[in-house]
Protein backbone atom coordinates (compact mmCIF):
# COMPACT_ATOMS: atom_id res chain seq x y z
CA MET A 1 0.00 0.00 0.00
CA THR A 2 1.40 3.40 -0.99
CA ALA A 3 1.59 6.56 1.12
CA ASN A 4 -1.63 7.86 -0.45
CA GLY A 5 -3.47 4.65 0.45
CA ALA A 6 -3.48 3.17 -3.06
CA VAL A 7 -3.12 -0.60 -3.29
CA HIS A 8 -0.89 -1.94 -6.02
CA LEU A 9 -1.87 -5.17 -7.74
CA SER A 10 1.76 -6.34 -7.75
CA GLU A 11 1.87 -6.34 -3.95
CA VAL A 12 -1.37 -8.31 -3.61
CA VAL A 13 -0.60 -10.90 -6.28
CA GLY A 14 3.03 -11.22 -5.23
CA ALA A 15 2.05 -12.03 -1.66
CA LEU A 16 -0.73 -14.41 -2.68
CA SER A 17 1.73 -16.23 -4.94
CA TYR A 18 3.18 -17.74 -1.75
CA ALA A 19 0.02 -19.84 -1.59
CA LEU A 20 0.78 -21.19 -5.07
CA ASP A 21 4.33 -22.07 -4.02
CA ILE A 22 2.93 -24.12 -1.16
CA THR A 23 0.56 -26.17 -3.29
CA GLU A 24 3.36 -26.84 -5.79
CA GLY A 25 5.55 -28.13 -2.97
CA GLN A 26 8.11 -25.41 -3.65
CA PRO A 27 10.23 -23.42 -1.19
CA VAL A 28 8.36 -20.26 -0.23
CA GLY A 29 9.09 -17.44 -2.66
CA HIS A 30 9.42 -19.62 -5.77
CA SER A 31 7.01 -17.50 -7.82
CA ILE A 32 8.61 -14.18 -6.97
CA ARG A 33 12.10 -15.59 -7.55
CA SER A 34 10.93 -16.82 -10.95
CA CYS A 35 9.48 -13.38 -11.61
CA TRP A 36 12.78 -11.76 -10.65
CA LEU A 37 14.73 -13.93 -13.10
CA GLY A 38 12.16 -13.76 -15.89
CA MET A 39 11.89 -9.98 -15.78
CA HIS A 40 15.66 -9.60 -16.08
CA VAL A 41 15.55 -11.79 -19.18
CA ALA A 42 12.68 -9.70 -20.56
CA ARG A 43 14.62 -6.48 -20.08
CA HIS A 44 17.70 -7.96 -21.72
CA ILE A 45 15.80 -8.96 -24.89
CA GLY A 46 14.14 -5.53 -25.07
CA LEU A 47 10.53 -6.51 -24.41
CA SER A 48 8.17 -3.51 -24.55
CA GLU A 49 6.84 -2.10 -21.28
CA THR A 50 3.34 -3.34 -22.12
CA ALA A 51 4.64 -6.85 -22.74
CA GLN A 52 6.79 -6.68 -19.60
CA SER A 53 3.72 -5.78 -17.55
CA ASP A 54 1.80 -8.82 -18.81
CA LEU A 55 4.84 -11.08 -18.43
CA TYR A 56 5.22 -9.87 -14.84
CA TYR A 57 1.79 -11.25 -13.89
CA THR A 58 2.26 -14.39 -15.98
CA LEU A 59 5.35 -15.16 -13.90
CA LEU A 60 3.62 -14.54 -10.58
CA LEU A 61 0.50 -16.50 -11.56
CA LYS A 62 2.06 -19.27 -13.64
CA ASP A 63 0.99 -21.90 -11.07
CA ILE A 64 -2.50 -20.58 -10.39
CA GLY A 65 -4.09 -23.71 -11.84
CA CYS A 66 -1.81 -26.04 -9.91
CA SER A 67 -4.33 -27.16 -7.28
CA SER A 68 -6.75 -28.52 -9.88
CA ASN A 69 -4.75 -31.69 -10.55
CA ALA A 70 -3.71 -32.40 -6.94
CA ALA A 71 -6.47 -34.89 -6.17
CA ARG A 72 -5.89 -36.80 -9.41
CA ILE A 73 -2.14 -37.00 -8.83
CA CYS A 74 -2.82 -38.42 -5.39
CA ARG A 75 -5.29 -40.95 -6.76
CA LEU A 76 -3.35 -42.03 -9.87
CA TYR A 77 0.13 -42.23 -8.38
CA LEU A 78 -0.93 -43.13 -4.82
CA ALA A 79 1.34 -40.34 -3.66
CA ASP A 80 1.44 -37.22 -1.53
CA ASP A 81 0.74 -34.58 -4.17
CA LEU A 82 2.97 -31.93 -2.56
CA ASN A 83 6.06 -34.13 -2.38
CA PHE A 84 5.30 -35.60 -5.80
CA LYS A 85 5.13 -32.17 -7.42
CA GLN A 86 8.25 -30.98 -5.63
CA ALA A 87 10.28 -33.94 -6.84
CA TYR A 88 8.88 -33.73 -10.38
CA LYS A 89 10.26 -30.22 -10.81
CA PHE A 90 13.77 -31.74 -11.00
CA VAL A 91 12.89 -34.25 -13.73
CA ASP A 92 14.03 -33.80 -17.31
CA SER A 93 11.86 -35.37 -20.03
CA ARG A 94 14.49 -37.98 -20.90
CA LEU A 95 13.14 -41.49 -20.40
CA PRO A 96 15.71 -42.68 -17.80
CA ASP A 97 14.97 -39.61 -15.64
CA VAL A 98 11.23 -40.17 -15.89
CA LEU A 99 11.49 -43.86 -15.02
CA ARG A 100 13.71 -43.19 -12.00
CA PHE A 101 11.25 -40.58 -10.79
CA LEU A 102 8.22 -42.83 -11.19
CA ILE A 103 9.85 -45.78 -9.42
CA ALA A 104 10.96 -43.54 -6.56
CA ASN A 105 7.68 -41.64 -6.13
CA THR A 106 4.77 -43.89 -7.14
CA ALA A 107 2.78 -45.78 -4.47
CA ARG A 108 5.68 -45.74 -2.03
CA GLY A 109 3.46 -46.42 0.96
CA SER A 110 1.46 -49.20 -0.70
CA GLY A 111 1.84 -52.97 -0.67
CA MET A 112 3.92 -54.73 -3.32
CA VAL A 113 0.95 -55.87 -5.43
CA GLU A 114 -0.79 -52.49 -5.40
CA ARG A 115 2.46 -50.71 -6.18
CA LEU A 116 3.20 -53.00 -9.10
CA GLN A 117 -0.33 -52.58 -10.50
CA THR A 118 -0.03 -48.80 -10.24
CA LEU A 119 3.36 -48.74 -11.98
CA VAL A 120 2.07 -50.96 -14.79
CA HIS A 121 -0.92 -48.65 -15.29
CA ILE A 122 1.35 -45.60 -15.39
CA ALA A 123 3.75 -47.34 -17.81
CA ARG A 124 0.89 -48.12 -20.19
CA ASN A 125 -0.91 -44.80 -19.98
CA GLY A 126 1.70 -42.35 -18.66
CA GLY A 127 1.80 -40.08 -21.71
CA GLU A 128 -1.95 -39.53 -21.80
CA ILE A 129 -2.14 -39.16 -18.01
CA ALA A 130 0.57 -36.48 -18.04
CA ARG A 131 -1.13 -34.65 -20.90
CA GLU A 132 -4.50 -34.64 -19.14
CA LEU A 133 -3.03 -33.50 -15.82
CA ILE A 134 -1.16 -30.62 -17.44
CA GLU A 135 -4.12 -29.68 -19.64
CA THR A 136 -6.39 -29.48 -16.59
CA ARG A 137 -3.90 -27.38 -14.68
CA CYS A 138 -3.15 -24.99 -17.55
CA GLN A 139 -6.74 -24.47 -18.68
CA ARG A 140 -7.93 -23.97 -15.12
CA GLY A 141 -5.13 -21.50 -14.47
CA ALA A 142 -5.92 -19.50 -17.59
CA ASP A 143 -9.62 -19.36 -16.66
CA ILE A 144 -8.85 -18.12 -13.15
CA ALA A 145 -6.48 -15.49 -14.53
CA ARG A 146 -9.28 -14.22 -16.76
CA THR A 147 -11.67 -13.94 -13.80
CA MET A 148 -8.99 -11.81 -12.13
CA ARG A 149 -9.13 -9.39 -15.12
CA PHE A 150 -5.92 -10.41 -16.84
CA GLY A 151 -5.87 -10.39 -20.62
CA GLU A 152 -5.43 -13.15 -23.16
CA ASP A 153 -1.65 -12.72 -23.37
CA VAL A 154 -1.39 -13.62 -19.67
CA ALA A 155 -3.90 -16.46 -20.05
CA GLN A 156 -1.96 -17.84 -23.02
CA GLY A 157 1.28 -17.59 -21.08
CA ILE A 158 -0.24 -19.81 -18.40
CA LEU A 159 -1.76 -22.19 -20.95
CA ASP A 160 1.57 -22.84 -22.69
CA LEU A 161 3.73 -23.08 -19.56
CA ASP A 162 4.53 -26.79 -20.01
CA GLU A 163 5.14 -26.72 -23.76
CA HIS A 164 8.74 -27.41 -24.84
CA TRP A 165 10.72 -25.83 -27.68
CA ASP A 166 11.22 -29.22 -29.42
CA GLY A 167 7.53 -30.21 -29.21
CA SER A 168 7.95 -32.73 -26.38
CA GLY A 169 5.82 -30.76 -23.91
CA HIS A 170 2.13 -30.77 -23.05
CA PRO A 171 -0.75 -30.47 -23.56
CA LEU A 172 -0.65 -29.60 -27.28
CA GLY A 173 2.95 -30.42 -28.22
CA ARG A 174 3.54 -26.91 -29.56
CA THR A 175 6.98 -26.24 -31.03
CA GLY A 176 9.31 -23.26 -31.34
CA GLU A 177 7.68 -19.88 -31.71
CA GLU A 178 4.20 -21.42 -31.66
CA ILE A 179 4.70 -21.30 -27.89
CA SER A 180 3.87 -18.04 -26.13
CA LEU A 181 6.99 -15.96 -25.51
CA PHE A 182 5.80 -15.41 -21.95
CA SER A 183 5.67 -19.19 -21.46
CA ARG A 184 9.13 -19.67 -22.89
CA ILE A 185 10.53 -17.17 -20.40
CA ALA A 186 8.44 -18.45 -17.47
CA LEU A 187 9.39 -22.11 -17.93
CA LEU A 188 13.09 -21.25 -18.06
CA ALA A 189 12.83 -18.99 -15.01
CA GLN A 190 10.93 -21.70 -13.12
CA VAL A 191 13.53 -24.39 -13.79
CA ALA A 192 16.38 -22.00 -13.04
CA ASP A 193 14.92 -21.19 -9.63
CA VAL A 194 14.30 -24.84 -8.75
CA PHE A 195 17.92 -25.75 -9.41
CA PHE A 196 19.25 -22.54 -7.89
CA MET A 197 17.54 -23.38 -4.61
CA ARG A 198 19.12 -26.83 -4.65
CA GLY A 199 22.61 -26.04 -5.90
CA GLY A 200 23.12 -22.32 -6.41
CA PRO A 201 23.77 -20.26 -9.59
CA ASP A 202 26.08 -22.82 -11.21
CA ALA A 203 23.48 -25.57 -10.89
CA ALA A 204 20.78 -23.30 -12.35
CA LEU A 205 22.92 -22.28 -15.30
CA ALA A 206 24.05 -25.84 -16.02
CA GLU A 207 20.48 -27.15 -16.05
CA VAL A 208 19.22 -24.38 -18.30
CA GLU A 209 22.08 -24.94 -20.76
CA SER A 210 21.47 -28.71 -20.79
CA ARG A 211 17.84 -28.18 -21.87
CA SER A 212 18.56 -25.52 -24.51
CA GLY A 213 16.98 -26.46 -27.83
CA ARG A 214 14.87 -29.15 -26.14
CA TRP A 215 12.82 -27.46 -23.42
CA PHE A 216 14.01 -23.91 -23.97
CA ASP A 217 14.24 -21.40 -26.79
CA PRO A 218 18.02 -21.09 -27.42
CA SER A 219 17.73 -17.30 -27.76
CA ILE A 220 16.09 -17.08 -24.32
CA VAL A 221 18.84 -19.29 -22.92
CA ASP A 222 21.44 -16.89 -24.36
CA ALA A 223 19.67 -13.96 -22.71
CA PHE A 224 19.55 -15.82 -19.41
CA LYS A 225 23.27 -16.62 -19.60
CA ALA A 226 23.99 -12.94 -20.18
CA VAL A 227 22.03 -11.73 -17.14
CA ALA A 228 23.32 -14.64 -15.03
CA ASN A 229 26.76 -13.02 -15.06
CA ASN A 230 25.47 -10.33 -12.69
CA PRO A 231 26.09 -11.43 -9.05
CA HIS A 232 23.45 -8.96 -7.83
CA ILE A 233 20.72 -11.07 -9.41
CA TRP A 234 21.70 -14.18 -7.45
CA ASN A 235 22.48 -12.37 -4.20
CA THR A 236 19.05 -10.72 -4.24
CA MET A 237 17.35 -14.10 -4.79
CA ARG A 238 18.10 -15.08 -1.19
CA SER A 239 17.65 -11.68 0.42
CA ASP A 240 14.77 -10.73 2.72
CA ASP A 241 13.97 -7.70 0.59
CA LEU A 242 13.44 -9.68 -2.64
CA PRO A 243 9.64 -8.99 -2.58
CA ALA A 244 10.30 -5.24 -2.62
CA HIS A 245 12.75 -5.64 -5.51
CA VAL A 246 10.18 -7.64 -7.46
CA VAL A 247 7.46 -5.04 -6.86
CA ALA A 248 9.87 -2.42 -8.21
CA MET A 249 10.34 -4.42 -11.44
CA GLU A 250 6.79 -3.80 -12.61
CA PRO A 251 6.99 -1.16 -15.35
CA VAL A 252 6.45 2.15 -13.55
CA THR A 253 4.18 3.67 -16.19
CA LEU A 254 1.90 0.61 -16.11
CA VAL A 255 1.57 0.01 -12.36
CA ARG A 256 -1.93 -1.33 -11.72
CA GLU A 257 -3.93 -0.17 -8.73
CA VAL A 258 -6.58 -2.25 -7.00
CA ASP A 259 -9.97 -0.94 -5.89
CA GLU A 260 -12.55 -2.73 -3.75
CA ASP A 261 -14.19 -4.42 -6.75
CA TYR A 262 -10.84 -5.74 -7.94
CA LEU A 263 -9.99 -7.05 -4.47
CA ASP A 264 -13.26 -8.98 -4.58
CA ASP A 265 -12.28 -10.52 -7.93
CA ILE A 266 -8.84 -11.46 -6.63
CA ALA A 267 -10.34 -13.08 -3.53
CA ALA A 268 -12.81 -14.98 -5.72
CA GLY A 269 -9.99 -16.14 -7.98
CA PHE A 270 -7.89 -17.50 -5.14
CA ALA A 271 -10.97 -19.09 -3.58
CA GLN A 272 -11.23 -21.10 -6.81
CA VAL A 273 -7.62 -22.20 -6.37
CA VAL A 274 -8.35 -23.40 -2.83
CA ASP A 275 -11.59 -25.19 -3.70
CA ALA A 276 -10.10 -26.91 -6.77
CA LYS A 277 -7.65 -28.84 -4.60
CA SER A 278 -10.17 -31.48 -3.51
CA PRO A 279 -13.40 -32.71 -5.14
CA PHE A 280 -14.93 -32.61 -1.66
CA THR A 281 -14.35 -28.86 -1.30
CA ALA A 282 -15.64 -27.72 -4.70
CA GLY A 283 -17.58 -24.50 -4.10
CA HIS A 284 -16.87 -24.57 -0.35
CA SER A 285 -15.41 -21.06 -0.10
CA ASP A 286 -18.25 -19.53 -2.13
CA ARG A 287 -20.83 -21.21 0.08
CA VAL A 288 -19.10 -20.18 3.30
CA ALA A 289 -19.06 -16.61 1.97
CA LEU A 290 -22.79 -16.87 1.21
CA PHE A 291 -23.70 -18.27 4.63
CA ALA A 292 -21.44 -15.76 6.41
CA ASP A 293 -23.19 -12.97 4.52
CA LEU A 294 -26.60 -14.33 5.54
CA ILE A 295 -25.55 -14.33 9.19
CA ALA A 296 -24.02 -10.86 8.97
CA GLY A 297 -27.18 -9.51 7.37
CA GLU A 298 -29.32 -10.93 10.15
CA LEU A 299 -26.96 -9.40 12.72
CA GLY A 300 -27.29 -5.94 11.19
CA TYR A 301 -23.85 -5.59 9.55
CA SER A 302 -23.49 -2.64 7.20
CA ALA A 303 -23.12 -3.26 3.46
CA THR A 304 -19.46 -2.25 3.61
CA ARG A 305 -18.70 -4.61 6.48
CA ARG A 306 -20.61 -7.47 4.83
CA ARG A 307 -18.51 -7.02 1.71
CA TRP A 308 -15.33 -7.25 3.75
CA LEU A 309 -16.60 -10.35 5.54
CA ARG A 310 -17.48 -12.09 2.27
CA ARG A 311 -13.92 -11.47 1.09
CA ALA A 312 -12.50 -12.86 4.33
CA ALA A 313 -14.75 -15.91 4.05
CA LEU A 314 -13.60 -16.55 0.48
CA LEU A 315 -9.99 -16.68 1.71
CA HIS A 316 -10.50 -18.40 5.08
CA ASP A 317 -9.16 -21.77 3.90
CA ILE A 318 -6.20 -20.59 1.82
CA GLY A 319 -3.85 -22.45 4.18
CA LYS A 320 -5.39 -25.77 3.05
CA LEU A 321 -3.25 -25.52 -0.06
CA GLY A 322 -0.44 -26.74 2.17
CA VAL A 323 -2.24 -29.95 3.20
CA PRO A 324 -1.60 -33.02 1.00
CA ASN A 325 -4.61 -34.52 -0.77
CA SER A 326 -3.71 -37.90 0.68
CA ILE A 327 -4.96 -36.36 3.94
CA LEU A 328 -7.75 -34.08 2.66
CA ASP A 329 -9.38 -36.87 0.65
CA LYS A 330 -8.72 -39.72 3.07
CA ASN A 331 -11.68 -42.04 3.58
CA GLY A 332 -11.18 -42.43 7.29
CA LYS A 333 -9.93 -40.81 10.45
CA PRO A 334 -6.58 -38.97 10.17
CA ASP A 335 -3.72 -40.48 12.12
CA PRO A 336 -1.83 -38.22 14.58
CA GLU A 337 0.70 -37.06 11.98
CA GLU A 338 -2.02 -36.31 9.43
CA TRP A 339 -4.08 -34.51 12.05
CA ALA A 340 -1.07 -32.34 12.88
CA SER A 341 -0.85 -31.34 9.19
CA ILE A 342 -4.54 -30.41 9.15
CA ARG A 343 -4.17 -28.35 12.32
CA ARG A 344 -1.42 -26.27 10.71
CA HIS A 345 -3.54 -24.93 7.86
CA PRO A 346 -5.18 -22.01 9.76
CA GLU A 347 -1.82 -20.61 10.85
CA LEU A 348 -0.50 -21.00 7.33
CA GLY A 349 -3.47 -19.01 6.05
CA ARG A 350 -2.88 -16.34 8.66
CA THR A 351 0.76 -16.04 7.58
CA ILE A 352 -0.09 -15.69 3.88
CA LEU A 353 -2.79 -13.05 4.34
CA ALA A 354 -0.80 -11.08 6.89
CA LYS A 355 1.75 -10.34 4.16
CA ILE A 356 -0.79 -8.26 2.22
CA ALA A 357 -1.59 -4.79 3.53
CA ALA A 358 -4.94 -4.75 1.72
CA LEU A 359 -5.97 -8.12 3.16
CA GLU A 360 -4.13 -8.35 6.46
CA ASP A 361 -7.33 -7.70 8.43
CA THR A 362 -8.69 -11.00 7.03
CA ALA A 363 -5.74 -12.93 8.47
CA THR A 364 -7.35 -13.30 11.89
CA ILE A 365 -10.34 -15.12 10.42
CA ALA A 366 -8.12 -17.46 8.39
CA GLY A 367 -6.05 -18.19 11.48
CA SER A 368 -8.88 -18.63 13.98
CA HIS A 369 -11.88 -20.13 12.19
CA HIS A 370 -11.25 -23.54 13.79
CA GLU A 371 -10.96 -22.18 17.33
CA ARG A 372 -13.71 -22.97 19.85
CA LEU A 373 -15.38 -20.82 22.46
CA ASP A 374 -14.38 -23.36 25.14
CA GLY A 375 -10.69 -23.23 24.14
CA GLY A 376 -10.69 -26.70 22.62
CA GLY A 377 -10.06 -25.62 19.04
CA TYR A 378 -6.90 -25.19 16.99
CA PRO A 379 -4.26 -24.03 16.18
CA ARG A 380 -3.79 -21.86 19.28
CA GLY A 381 -6.49 -23.12 21.64
CA ILE A 382 -7.83 -19.64 22.39
CA GLY A 383 -11.17 -19.13 24.13
CA ALA A 384 -14.31 -17.02 23.75
CA ASN A 385 -12.73 -13.79 25.02
CA GLU A 386 -10.21 -13.89 22.13
CA ILE A 387 -12.56 -14.86 19.30
CA ASP A 388 -14.20 -11.86 17.65
CA LEU A 389 -17.69 -11.81 16.14
CA ASP A 390 -16.42 -11.84 12.54
CA THR A 391 -14.53 -15.07 13.17
CA ARG A 392 -17.50 -16.60 15.00
CA ILE A 393 -19.68 -15.89 11.97
CA VAL A 394 -17.28 -17.57 9.55
CA THR A 395 -16.85 -20.52 11.93
CA VAL A 396 -20.60 -21.15 11.99
CA ALA A 397 -20.83 -20.78 8.20
CA ASP A 398 -17.87 -23.14 7.76
CA ILE A 399 -19.31 -25.82 10.04
CA PHE A 400 -22.72 -25.64 8.37
CA ASP A 401 -21.25 -26.06 4.91
CA ALA A 402 -18.97 -28.90 6.06
CA LEU A 403 -21.97 -30.79 7.43
CA THR A 404 -24.18 -30.22 4.39
CA ALA A 405 -21.54 -31.21 1.81
CA ASP A 406 -20.16 -34.62 0.90
CA ARG A 407 -16.95 -35.68 2.62
CA PRO A 408 -14.72 -38.70 1.91
CA TYR A 409 -16.00 -40.44 5.03
CA ARG A 410 -19.75 -39.56 4.86
CA LYS A 411 -22.52 -38.19 2.66
CA ALA A 412 -23.90 -34.68 3.03
CA MET A 413 -26.47 -34.08 5.78
CA PRO A 414 -29.82 -32.40 5.07
CA PRO A 415 -29.86 -28.85 6.50
CA LEU A 416 -32.26 -29.71 9.34
CA GLN A 417 -30.04 -32.56 10.48
CA ALA A 418 -27.00 -30.26 10.32
CA PHE A 419 -28.80 -27.69 12.45
CA SER A 420 -29.55 -30.41 14.98
CA VAL A 421 -25.91 -31.46 15.15
CA MET A 422 -24.77 -27.86 15.50
CA GLN A 423 -27.31 -27.17 18.25
CA ALA A 424 -25.41 -29.54 20.53
CA ASP A 425 -22.26 -27.39 20.20
CA ILE A 426 -23.79 -24.03 21.08
CA GLY A 427 -21.74 -22.28 23.73
CA THR A 428 -18.79 -24.63 23.35
CA ALA A 429 -17.83 -24.43 19.67
CA ILE A 430 -20.62 -22.33 18.19
CA ASP A 431 -21.82 -18.83 19.03
CA GLU A 432 -25.54 -18.90 19.86
CA ALA A 433 -26.41 -15.57 18.21
CA CYS A 434 -24.57 -16.51 15.01
CA PHE A 435 -26.29 -19.89 14.89
CA ALA A 436 -29.74 -18.33 15.36
CA ALA A 437 -28.93 -15.78 12.63
CA LEU A 438 -27.90 -18.57 10.24
CA GLN A 439 -31.18 -20.37 10.85
CA ARG A 440 -33.19 -17.21 10.23
CA GLY A 441 -31.17 -16.33 7.14
CA PHE A 442 -31.41 -19.85 5.77
CA VAL A 443 -35.18 -19.86 6.14
CA ARG A 444 -35.38 -16.44 4.50
CA MET A 445 -33.15 -17.57 1.61
CA LYS A 446 -35.24 -20.73 1.17
CA ASP A 447 -38.46 -18.71 1.11
CA VAL A 448 -37.07 -16.35 -1.52
CA THR A 449 -35.88 -19.31 -3.62
CA ASN A 450 -39.27 -20.98 -3.38
CA ASP A 451 -41.06 -17.73 -4.28
CA GLY A 452 -38.83 -17.38 -7.31
CA GLU A 453 -39.49 -20.95 -8.43
CA ASN A 454 -43.24 -20.51 -7.98
CA LEU A 455 -43.10 -17.30 -10.02
CA ARG A 456 -41.15 -19.04 -12.77
CA GLN A 457 -43.69 -21.87 -12.96
CA ALA A 458 -46.63 -19.45 -12.96
CA SER A 459 -45.18 -17.54 -15.90
């Protein structure tokens, strides 16, 4: 946020990109480090300021569709999606590398027969599986970018991210200059950062050079080699002030400011990222926002405050991007280690949102929506005197949606049954006034829906 109170899009998206790093299993800051490298390449090749501006957001949002294939990776490879994705980032497309990766990372925790069956299935269908996984991720990412008001050049940059210069990439097998220039730069920057974090500048440069003409446009490799000679670039990659340096790389004449409407669109976009991670959470954030708004309306919240609360509700579960799908989608009770991973997600959400001046007041809700009035919640075990009304509202909305939606271990409850279950937790986990407001709001919403349906049939 600037001195005059303006909010810059680069600050918001840059901070939210940490959530994308988490769901890709990457060290925190991967997206902004990739942006830092990619923008230096763009400047070296003389990209126009307009193109640099679009590339800037392509680099920060390159992984925005990454959560959409997490559940399928977990199911197909019988693997922890976060660790699987992290390890895959080091794999070249050469067959020996791919085979070593699959043997090391497929069905590791399964029995011998199940593991063998899974490996045989992957061996027979691996090419098509990889294409479908990447297609889902890229198309979903491009769609979310569009909902966040980015243009087709940014969307195309996300769509083509996994295409390779020699045509060996996915999902379309594009070759050479058929591939978006933004994608060519972003893929190189991504790989360079992955290997930099493991082995430093020399490892990054060696890996990029080894894939020149196969994965990477040779001219982009040459540009990268030229900028890689500057020690400042590498030193800044590990510095605490890298985010500020990356914000400063956005072309000054094209800095984009964010108003309240745009913040709503950004929150809605990242809510899609969160909800795409598991088939059991599809639409969860939208519904929690709806139910929270119903409660707030019944409690007399102003229109401005209700808008803020909807935004907070959309982002309340952003920390779940750091929980493996092997836990989220488990058909059974989590073991102690899995439960510990689940309990960490509110604090992770708090940390992400606290980085963003324009959204930092939503961090408390993300961090405390699983706390209980009696102190028996998580992650901090705080009690009623430390849980504000906004958080209590979102907690009630969250519980109601969880009960009335399918879960791996049970089918959705009818609303009346959910209300009955929740009634037993009033005063211990659930605020009585918020619960009563939800019931009133739900009845009112149902009446309006029924009136609308009756009107439609009459006409």
